Amino acid sequence: MGAATGEARADFRVCNATQNLVGVAIGYRANAGWVTEGWWHVEGSSCKTLIEGPLSSRYYYLYAEDAERGGRWDGPVNMCVAEREFKIAGVNDCFARGFQRSGFQEYDTGDQGSWMVQLTDDPAANGNGAVTGTGGQ
């Protein structure tokens, strides 16, 4: 028996099932209020952990851009993003504070300790790709 066989990973991961480099931003509610963070660069056919350890919030919000083709994986929840690496407190008055606003997709992780979102190419989704989230142990 290997030492790691019974261990459950607890984190929030994004897997990029496309062949292109993707930039990813995440939003969540912290003790002090809403926070958005980015950019994680996720190479094609790879995964990256955005939050390490057991998930402390039930809802997480994700926005991603295809760095090569310009497609987006977005949603209806507006939050702030910046051009370069960022960690932004608050989701209001994005433009007035010198940030951009993007639409994030909400993920209800329930009581899962970890979550994985897979970004895929999906021509049926107007070229924006499909986003699927799954819980895990």
Protein backbone atom coordinates (compact mmCIF):
# COMPACT_ATOMS: atom_id res chain seq x y z
CA MET A 1 0.00 0.00 0.00
CA GLY A 2 1.28 3.43 -0.91
CA ALA A 3 1.19 6.20 1.67
CA ALA A 4 -0.79 8.55 -0.59
CA THR A 5 -3.56 6.15 -1.65
CA GLY A 6 -6.02 7.16 1.07
CA GLU A 7 -5.37 10.89 1.01
CA ALA A 8 -8.02 13.15 -0.49
CA ARG A 9 -6.86 16.30 -2.24
CA ALA A 10 -8.73 19.40 -1.18
CA ASP A 11 -8.51 22.35 -3.55
CA PHE A 12 -10.12 24.29 -6.42
CA ARG A 13 -8.54 23.33 -9.73
CA VAL A 14 -9.01 24.42 -13.32
CA CYS A 15 -8.18 22.05 -16.17
CA ASN A 16 -7.67 23.38 -19.68
CA ALA A 17 -8.80 20.78 -22.20
CA THR A 18 -8.01 23.06 -25.16
CA GLN A 19 -4.69 23.28 -26.97
CA ASN A 20 -4.28 26.99 -26.19
CA LEU A 21 -2.91 28.98 -23.25
CA VAL A 22 -5.76 30.26 -21.06
CA GLY A 23 -5.78 33.04 -18.46
CA VAL A 24 -8.04 32.36 -15.46
CA ALA A 25 -9.47 34.61 -12.73
CA ILE A 26 -11.45 33.51 -9.66
CA GLY A 27 -13.86 35.35 -7.38
CA TYR A 28 -15.03 34.38 -3.91
CA ARG A 29 -16.39 35.78 -0.66
CA ALA A 30 -13.71 36.19 2.01
CA ASN A 31 -14.18 37.28 5.63
CA ALA A 32 -13.68 40.93 4.67
CA GLY A 33 -15.96 40.75 1.59
CA TRP A 34 -15.72 39.92 -2.10
CA VAL A 35 -12.30 39.26 -3.66
CA THR A 36 -11.21 38.58 -7.24
CA GLU A 37 -7.77 37.22 -8.12
CA GLY A 38 -5.93 36.49 -11.36
CA TRP A 39 -4.31 35.71 -13.65
CA TRP A 40 -3.35 32.08 -13.56
CA HIS A 41 -1.88 30.92 -16.87
CA VAL A 42 -3.02 27.39 -17.65
CA GLU A 43 -1.24 25.73 -20.57
CA GLY A 44 -3.22 23.59 -23.02
CA SER A 45 -4.03 20.07 -21.80
CA SER A 46 -2.98 20.83 -18.21
CA CYS A 47 -4.45 21.72 -14.82
CA LYS A 48 -3.63 24.35 -12.23
CA THR A 49 -4.68 24.73 -8.58
CA LEU A 50 -6.22 28.14 -7.83
CA ILE A 51 -7.13 27.56 -4.17
CA GLU A 52 -5.08 25.12 -2.10
CA GLY A 53 -6.58 23.28 0.83
CA PRO A 54 -10.21 22.63 1.80
CA LEU A 55 -12.69 25.08 0.26
CA SER A 56 -13.86 27.68 2.76
CA SER A 57 -16.69 29.11 0.63
CA ARG A 58 -19.63 27.37 -0.98
CA TYR A 59 -19.74 29.60 -4.07
CA TYR A 60 -16.81 30.37 -6.36
CA TYR A 61 -16.85 32.42 -9.55
CA LEU A 62 -14.68 31.82 -12.60
CA TYR A 63 -13.74 33.80 -15.70
CA ALA A 64 -11.23 32.65 -18.34
CA GLU A 65 -9.84 33.96 -21.61
CA ASP A 66 -8.12 32.11 -24.44
CA ALA A 67 -4.83 34.00 -24.72
CA GLU A 68 -4.31 32.89 -28.33
CA ARG A 69 -7.74 32.96 -29.98
CA GLY A 70 -9.51 35.48 -27.75
CA GLY A 71 -12.47 33.28 -26.75
CA ARG A 72 -13.97 33.57 -23.26
CA TRP A 73 -15.57 31.35 -20.65
CA ASP A 74 -17.79 33.76 -18.78
CA GLY A 75 -21.09 34.11 -16.99
CA PRO A 76 -23.67 36.58 -15.63
CA VAL A 77 -21.97 37.68 -12.39
CA ASN A 78 -20.02 40.93 -12.84
CA MET A 79 -16.73 41.24 -10.95
CA CYS A 80 -13.56 43.31 -11.33
CA VAL A 81 -10.42 42.21 -13.18
CA ALA A 82 -7.17 43.95 -14.11
CA GLU A 83 -4.87 43.80 -17.12
CA ARG A 84 -2.00 42.21 -15.18
CA GLU A 85 -1.76 40.05 -12.05
CA PHE A 86 -4.28 41.24 -9.46
CA LYS A 87 -6.05 40.72 -6.15
CA ILE A 88 -8.99 43.11 -5.89
CA ALA A 89 -11.22 43.67 -2.85
CA GLY A 90 -14.83 44.44 -3.73
CA VAL A 91 -16.89 43.96 -6.90
CA ASN A 92 -18.49 47.41 -7.22
CA ASP A 93 -17.34 50.49 -9.16
CA CYS A 94 -14.78 48.51 -11.17
CA PHE A 95 -14.27 51.21 -13.82
CA ALA A 96 -14.14 54.08 -11.31
CA ARG A 97 -11.38 52.23 -9.44
CA GLY A 98 -9.32 51.71 -12.60
CA PHE A 99 -10.28 48.08 -13.26
CA GLN A 100 -12.26 46.29 -15.95
CA ARG A 101 -15.46 44.36 -15.39
CA SER A 102 -16.01 40.81 -16.61
CA GLY A 103 -18.82 38.31 -16.28
CA PHE A 104 -17.98 35.35 -14.04
CA GLN A 105 -19.70 31.96 -13.94
CA GLU A 106 -20.96 30.81 -10.52
CA TYR A 107 -20.11 27.36 -9.13
CA ASP A 108 -22.02 25.99 -6.17
CA THR A 109 -19.55 23.57 -4.60
CA GLY A 110 -22.08 22.50 -1.96
CA ASP A 111 -20.24 20.88 0.92
CA GLN A 112 -17.45 19.48 -1.26
CA GLY A 113 -13.92 19.89 0.04
CA SER A 114 -12.55 20.20 -3.48
CA TRP A 115 -13.78 21.20 -6.94
CA MET A 116 -12.51 20.94 -10.51
CA VAL A 117 -13.61 23.01 -13.50
CA GLN A 118 -12.77 21.84 -17.01
CA LEU A 119 -12.54 24.37 -19.85
CA THR A 120 -13.27 22.80 -23.23
CA ASP A 121 -13.67 23.82 -26.86
CA ASP A 122 -17.36 23.64 -27.73
CA PRO A 123 -18.52 25.03 -31.09
CA ALA A 124 -22.16 24.79 -29.93
CA ALA A 125 -21.48 27.44 -27.26
CA ASN A 126 -20.85 30.26 -29.80
CA GLY A 127 -17.14 29.58 -29.69
CA ASN A 128 -16.98 30.46 -26.00
CA GLY A 129 -16.37 26.88 -24.97
CA ALA A 130 -18.07 24.85 -22.31
CA VAL A 131 -17.34 24.95 -18.63
CA THR A 132 -18.13 22.03 -16.39
CA GLY A 133 -17.59 21.79 -12.67
CA THR A 134 -17.33 18.66 -10.57
CA GLY A 135 -16.95 17.99 -6.92
CA GLY A 136 -14.59 15.43 -5.56
CA GLN A 137 -13.21 13.86 -2.47
